[in-house]
C-alpha atoms as a PDB file:
ATOM      1  CA  MET A   1      11.877   3.338   0.134  1.00  0.00           C
ATOM      2  CA  LYS A   2      12.868   1.557  -3.186  1.00  0.00           C
ATOM      3  CA  LYS A   3      15.095  -0.788  -1.280  1.00  0.00           C
ATOM      4  CA  TYR A   4      12.119  -1.890   1.046  1.00  0.00           C
ATOM      5  CA  LEU A   5       9.846  -2.357  -1.960  1.00  0.00           C
ATOM      6  CA  THR A   6      12.537  -4.541  -3.557  1.00  0.00           C
ATOM      7  CA  VAL A   7      12.999  -6.605  -0.475  1.00  0.00           C
ATOM      8  CA  TYR A   8       9.184  -6.941  -0.120  1.00  0.00           C
ATOM      9  CA  TRP A   9       8.807  -8.124  -3.680  1.00  0.00           C
ATOM     10  CA  LEU A  10      11.598 -10.833  -3.081  1.00  0.00           C
ATOM     11  CA  LEU A  11       9.954 -11.935   0.080  1.00  0.00           C
ATOM     12  CA  THR A  12       6.573 -12.059  -1.805  1.00  0.00           C
ATOM     13  CA  ARG A  13       8.142 -14.090  -4.549  1.00  0.00           C
ATOM     14  CA  PHE A  14       9.774 -16.531  -2.125  1.00  0.00           C
ATOM     15  CA  ALA A  15       6.491 -16.932  -0.192  1.00  0.00           C
ATOM     16  CA  MET A  16       4.539 -17.655  -3.350  1.00  0.00           C
ATOM     17  CA  GLU A  17       7.225 -20.091  -4.566  1.00  0.00           C
ATOM     18  CA  SER A  18       7.071 -21.896  -1.152  1.00  0.00           C
ATOM     19  CA  SER A  19       3.180 -21.963  -1.332  1.00  0.00           C
ATOM     20  CA  ILE A  20       3.173 -23.291  -4.927  1.00  0.00           C
ATOM     21  CA  ALA A  21       5.693 -26.037  -4.085  1.00  0.00           C
ATOM     22  CA  THR A  22       3.488 -27.601  -1.481  1.00  0.00           C
ATOM     23  CA  GLY A  23       0.889 -28.424  -4.109  1.00  0.00           C
ATOM     24  CA  TRP A  24      -1.842 -30.377  -2.311  1.00  0.00           C
ATOM     25  CA  ALA A  25      -1.539 -28.190   0.896  1.00  0.00           C
ATOM     26  CA  MET A  26      -2.153 -25.142  -1.238  1.00  0.00           C
ATOM     27  CA  ALA A  27      -5.143 -26.651  -2.947  1.00  0.00           C
ATOM     28  CA  ILE A  28      -6.616 -27.625   0.456  1.00  0.00           C
ATOM     29  CA  PHE A  29      -6.263 -24.042   1.800  1.00  0.00           C
ATOM     30  CA  ILE A  30      -7.731 -22.509  -1.214  1.00  0.00           C
ATOM     31  CA  PHE A  31     -10.636 -25.043  -1.030  1.00  0.00           C
ATOM     32  CA  GLY A  32     -11.144 -24.167   2.674  1.00  0.00           C
ATOM     33  CA  LYS A  33     -11.122 -20.420   1.863  1.00  0.00           C
ATOM     34  CA  ILE A  34     -13.669 -20.816  -0.805  1.00  0.00           C
ATOM     35  CA  LEU A  35     -15.792 -23.223   1.278  1.00  0.00           C
ATOM     36  CA  ARG A  36     -15.783 -20.573   4.119  1.00  0.00           C
ATOM     37  CA  LEU A  37     -17.040 -17.927   1.608  1.00  0.00           C
ATOM     38  CA  LEU A  38     -19.726 -20.440   0.269  1.00  0.00           C
ATOM     39  CA  ILE A  39     -20.870 -21.181   3.768  1.00  0.00           C
ATOM     40  CA  PHE A  40     -21.070 -17.572   4.542  1.00  0.00           C
ATOM     41  CA  SER A  41     -22.993 -16.965   1.472  1.00  0.00           C
ATOM     42  CA  ILE A  42     -25.531 -19.767   2.339  1.00  0.00           C
ATOM     43  CA  PHE A  43     -25.843 -18.344   5.825  1.00  0.00           C
ATOM     44  CA  ALA A  44     -26.594 -14.788   4.630  1.00  0.00           C
ATOM     45  CA  TYR A  45     -29.078 -16.013   2.100  1.00  0.00           C
ATOM     46  CA  PHE A  46     -31.062 -17.949   4.759  1.00  0.00           C
ATOM     47  CA  LEU A  47     -30.682 -15.071   7.317  1.00  0.00           C
ATOM     48  CA  PHE A  48     -32.037 -12.480   4.984  1.00  0.00           C
ATOM     49  CA  THR A  49     -34.828 -14.472   3.252  1.00  0.00           C
ATOM     50  CA  GLY A  50     -36.825 -14.578   6.336  1.00  0.00           C
ATOM     51  CA  THR A  51     -36.328 -11.052   7.750  1.00  0.00           C
ATOM     52  CA  GLN A  52     -36.598  -7.526   6.596  1.00  0.00           C
ATOM     53  CA  GLY A  53     -33.485  -6.403   8.371  1.00  0.00           C
ATOM     54  CA  VAL A  54     -31.104  -7.085  11.234  1.00  0.00           C
ATOM     55  CA  ALA A  55     -31.113  -4.821  14.349  1.00  0.00           C
ATOM     56  CA  GLY A  56     -32.653  -2.020  12.366  1.00  0.00           C
ATOM     57  CA  TYR A  57     -30.362  -2.232   9.330  1.00  0.00           C
ATOM     58  CA  SER A  58     -31.734  -3.293   5.905  1.00  0.00           C
ATOM     59  CA  LYS A  59     -30.636  -6.542   4.217  1.00  0.00           C
ATOM     60  CA  MET A  60     -28.189  -4.582   1.930  1.00  0.00           C
ATOM     61  CA  GLN A  61     -26.666  -2.670   4.875  1.00  0.00           C
ATOM     62  CA  SER A  62     -26.122  -5.974   6.903  1.00  0.00           C
ATOM     63  CA  LEU A  63     -24.604  -7.743   4.035  1.00  0.00           C
ATOM     64  CA  LEU A  64     -22.310  -4.844   3.249  1.00  0.00           C
ATOM     65  CA  PHE A  65     -21.257  -4.728   6.879  1.00  0.00           C
ATOM     66  CA  VAL A  66     -20.258  -8.356   6.900  1.00  0.00           C
ATOM     67  CA  LEU A  67     -18.648  -8.266   3.532  1.00  0.00           C
ATOM     68  CA  TYR A  68     -16.611  -5.246   4.599  1.00  0.00           C
ATOM     69  CA  PHE A  69     -15.363  -7.145   7.650  1.00  0.00           C
ATOM     70  CA  PHE A  70     -14.377 -10.157   5.400  1.00  0.00           C
ATOM     71  CA  LEU A  71     -12.622  -7.729   2.985  1.00  0.00           C
ATOM     72  CA  ILE A  72     -10.575  -5.928   5.531  1.00  0.00           C
ATOM     73  CA  SER A  73      -9.833  -9.250   7.291  1.00  0.00           C
ATOM     74  CA  ALA A  74      -8.655 -10.800   3.955  1.00  0.00           C
ATOM     75  CA  ILE A  75      -6.511  -7.622   3.106  1.00  0.00           C
ATOM     76  CA  VAL A  76      -4.776  -7.746   6.570  1.00  0.00           C
ATOM     77  CA  GLN A  77      -4.281 -11.428   6.482  1.00  0.00           C
ATOM     78  CA  THR A  78      -2.817 -11.174   3.127  1.00  0.00           C
ATOM     79  CA  LEU A  79      -0.403  -8.418   3.976  1.00  0.00           C
ATOM     80  CA  PHE A  80       0.655  -9.521   7.571  1.00  0.00           C
ATOM     81  CA  ARG A  81       0.613 -13.236   7.312  1.00  0.00           C
ATOM     82  CA  GLU A  82       4.170 -13.365   8.448  1.00  0.00           C
ATOM     83  CA  ALA A  83       3.179 -12.259  11.976  1.00  0.00           C
ATOM     84  CA  TYR A  84       1.609 -15.662  12.607  1.00  0.00           C
ATOM     85  CA  ARG A  85       5.016 -17.265  11.995  1.00  0.00           C
ATOM     86  CA  PHE A  86       6.896 -14.849  14.110  1.00  0.00           C
ATOM     87  CA  ARG A  87       6.846 -16.711  17.545  1.00  0.00           C
ATOM     88  CA  PRO A  88       8.305 -19.937  16.097  1.00  0.00           C
ATOM     89  CA  ARG A  89      11.177 -17.886  14.433  1.00  0.00           C
ATOM     90  CA  LEU A  90      11.738 -16.002  17.707  1.00  0.00           C
ATOM     91  CA  VAL A  91      11.846 -19.219  19.887  1.00  0.00           C
ATOM     92  CA  SER A  92      14.057 -21.095  17.382  1.00  0.00           C
ATOM     93  CA  GLY A  93      16.586 -18.286  17.209  1.00  0.00           C
ATOM     94  CA  GLU A  94      15.983 -17.582  13.476  1.00  0.00           C
ATOM     95  CA  PHE A  95      14.850 -14.029  14.241  1.00  0.00           C
ATOM     96  CA  ASP A  96      18.427 -13.148  15.467  1.00  0.00           C
ATOM     97  CA  PHE A  97      19.652 -13.281  11.880  1.00  0.00           C
ATOM     98  CA  ASP A  98      17.046 -10.645  10.889  1.00  0.00           C
ATOM     99  CA  LEU A  99      18.435  -8.238  13.402  1.00  0.00           C
ATOM    100  CA  ILE A 100      21.894  -8.114  11.758  1.00  0.00           C
ATOM    101  CA  LYS A 101      20.506  -7.598   8.251  1.00  0.00           C
ATOM    102  CA  PRO A 102      20.463  -4.078   6.738  1.00  0.00           C
ATOM    103  CA  VAL A 103      16.601  -4.268   6.398  1.00  0.00           C
ATOM    104  CA  HIS A 104      14.341  -3.279   9.324  1.00  0.00           C
ATOM    105  CA  PRO A 105      13.331  -6.397  11.306  1.00  0.00           C
ATOM    106  CA  ILE A 106       9.617  -5.271  11.329  1.00  0.00           C
ATOM    107  CA  LEU A 107       9.567  -5.643   7.497  1.00  0.00           C
ATOM    108  CA  ARG A 108      10.650  -9.282   7.718  1.00  0.00           C
ATOM    109  CA  SER A 109       8.536  -9.986  10.929  1.00  0.00           C
ATOM    110  CA  LEU A 110       5.210  -8.617   9.574  1.00  0.00           C
ATOM    111  CA  LEU A 111       5.566  -8.074   5.915  1.00  0.00           C
ATOM    112  CA  GLY A 112       7.224 -11.441   4.818  1.00  0.00           C
ATOM    113  CA  GLY A 113       5.281 -11.390   1.442  1.00  0.00           C
ATOM    114  CA  PHE A 114       1.725 -11.781   0.216  1.00  0.00           C
ATOM    115  CA  ASP A 115      -0.144 -14.852   1.210  1.00  0.00           C
ATOM    116  CA  LEU A 116      -1.163 -16.476  -1.999  1.00  0.00           C
ATOM    117  CA  HIS A 117      -4.119 -18.354  -0.447  1.00  0.00           C
ATOM    118  CA  ASP A 118      -5.791 -15.071   0.611  1.00  0.00           C
ATOM    119  CA  LEU A 119      -4.701 -13.451  -2.530  1.00  0.00           C
ATOM    120  CA  ILE A 120      -6.842 -15.810  -4.469  1.00  0.00           C
ATOM    121  CA  THR A 121      -9.995 -15.222  -2.447  1.00  0.00           C
ATOM    122  CA  LEU A 122      -9.497 -11.444  -2.011  1.00  0.00           C
ATOM    123  CA  PRO A 123     -10.702 -10.469  -5.528  1.00  0.00           C
ATOM    124  CA  ILE A 124     -13.831 -12.565  -5.043  1.00  0.00           C
ATOM    125  CA  ILE A 125     -14.738 -10.870  -1.789  1.00  0.00           C
ATOM    126  CA  GLY A 126     -13.738  -7.474  -3.061  1.00  0.00           C
ATOM    127  CA  GLY A 127     -15.775  -7.927  -6.284  1.00  0.00           C
ATOM    128  CA  ILE A 128     -18.856  -8.844  -4.480  1.00  0.00           C
ATOM    129  CA  PHE A 129     -18.415  -6.089  -1.955  1.00  0.00           C
ATOM    130  CA  PHE A 130     -17.863  -3.351  -4.522  1.00  0.00           C
ATOM    131  CA  TYR A 131     -20.651  -4.577  -6.725  1.00  0.00           C
ATOM    132  CA  LEU A 132     -23.063  -4.263  -3.781  1.00  0.00           C
ATOM    133  CA  LEU A 133     -21.490  -0.956  -2.793  1.00  0.00           C
ATOM    134  CA  ILE A 134     -22.145   0.548  -6.320  1.00  0.00           C
ATOM    135  CA  GLN A 135     -25.710  -0.669  -6.099  1.00  0.00           C
ATOM    136  CA  SER A 136     -26.160   1.508  -2.874  1.00  0.00           C
ATOM    137  CA  ALA A 137     -25.429   4.648  -4.794  1.00  0.00           C
ATOM    138  CA  LEU A 138     -22.959   6.283  -2.434  1.00  0.00           C
ATOM    139  CA  THR A 139     -21.936  10.003  -2.822  1.00  0.00           C
ATOM    140  CA  LEU A 140     -18.384  11.289  -3.266  1.00  0.00           C
ATOM    141  CA  PRO A 141     -18.013  12.256   0.551  1.00  0.00           C
ATOM    142  CA  MET A 142     -19.299   8.692   1.488  1.00  0.00           C
ATOM    143  CA  TRP A 143     -16.570   7.031  -0.787  1.00  0.00           C
ATOM    144  CA  ILE A 144     -13.931   9.252   0.738  1.00  0.00           C
ATOM    145  CA  LEU A 145     -15.041   8.388   4.259  1.00  0.00           C
ATOM    146  CA  LEU A 146     -15.139   4.650   3.257  1.00  0.00           C
ATOM    147  CA  ALA A 147     -11.583   4.840   1.943  1.00  0.00           C
ATOM    148  CA  SER A 148     -10.323   6.702   5.069  1.00  0.00           C
ATOM    149  CA  LEU A 149     -12.069   4.341   7.437  1.00  0.00           C
ATOM    150  CA  SER A 150     -10.673   1.348   5.421  1.00  0.00           C
ATOM    151  CA  LEU A 151      -7.079   2.758   5.763  1.00  0.00           C
ATOM    152  CA  ASN A 152      -7.773   3.412   9.401  1.00  0.00           C
ATOM    153  CA  GLY A 153      -8.887  -0.164   9.973  1.00  0.00           C
ATOM    154  CA  ILE A 154      -5.862  -1.506   8.166  1.00  0.00           C
ATOM    155  CA  LEU A 155      -3.590   0.576  10.339  1.00  0.00           C
ATOM    156  CA  ILE A 156      -5.307  -0.421  13.471  1.00  0.00           C
ATOM    157  CA  LEU A 157      -4.931  -4.114  12.569  1.00  0.00           C
ATOM    158  CA  PHE A 158      -1.320  -3.467  11.637  1.00  0.00           C
ATOM    159  CA  ALA A 159      -0.814  -2.188  15.148  1.00  0.00           C
ATOM    160  CA  VAL A 160      -2.608  -5.111  16.698  1.00  0.00           C
ATOM    161  CA  HIS A 161      -0.325  -7.537  14.701  1.00  0.00           C
ATOM    162  CA  LEU A 162       2.747  -5.583  15.636  1.00  0.00           C
ATOM    163  CA  PHE A 163       1.824  -5.737  19.293  1.00  0.00           C
ATOM    164  CA  VAL A 164       0.964  -9.412  19.212  1.00  0.00           C
ATOM    165  CA  ALA A 165       4.220 -10.137  17.483  1.00  0.00           C
END
């Protein structure tokens, strides 16, 4: 396990160095992520100012649902970004080199390091989500259920990414 964590840390470091080296492209990606979050916030504001709820859910419940989707999506995209680069590596033959290395190929194919672009927006989304979640006064069993459902969602999306790759 320690070997895999060391390899994952190195892959993360290399991915971050590669992202930082691109300069303007990184700034454009971060701007796009923040703009998407801002547009969603404006949409949510206008959606909830004119209604009491959406499909039987209150404003807070609807907002928490959408923010939860954004949070899980950001976590999965941060963790499994390398899955989107798998096909070109497979077609070019670069994946063959991963098969002969002493590290499992799935680690390199899916967990190629954190994506710095999503890692920057993740605390913003998570902070807003947990602030609103604390305002809703959940009990301990609800927190445990939320944590288990979050882990379940991440595992399901891991399986989807693995299947697609």
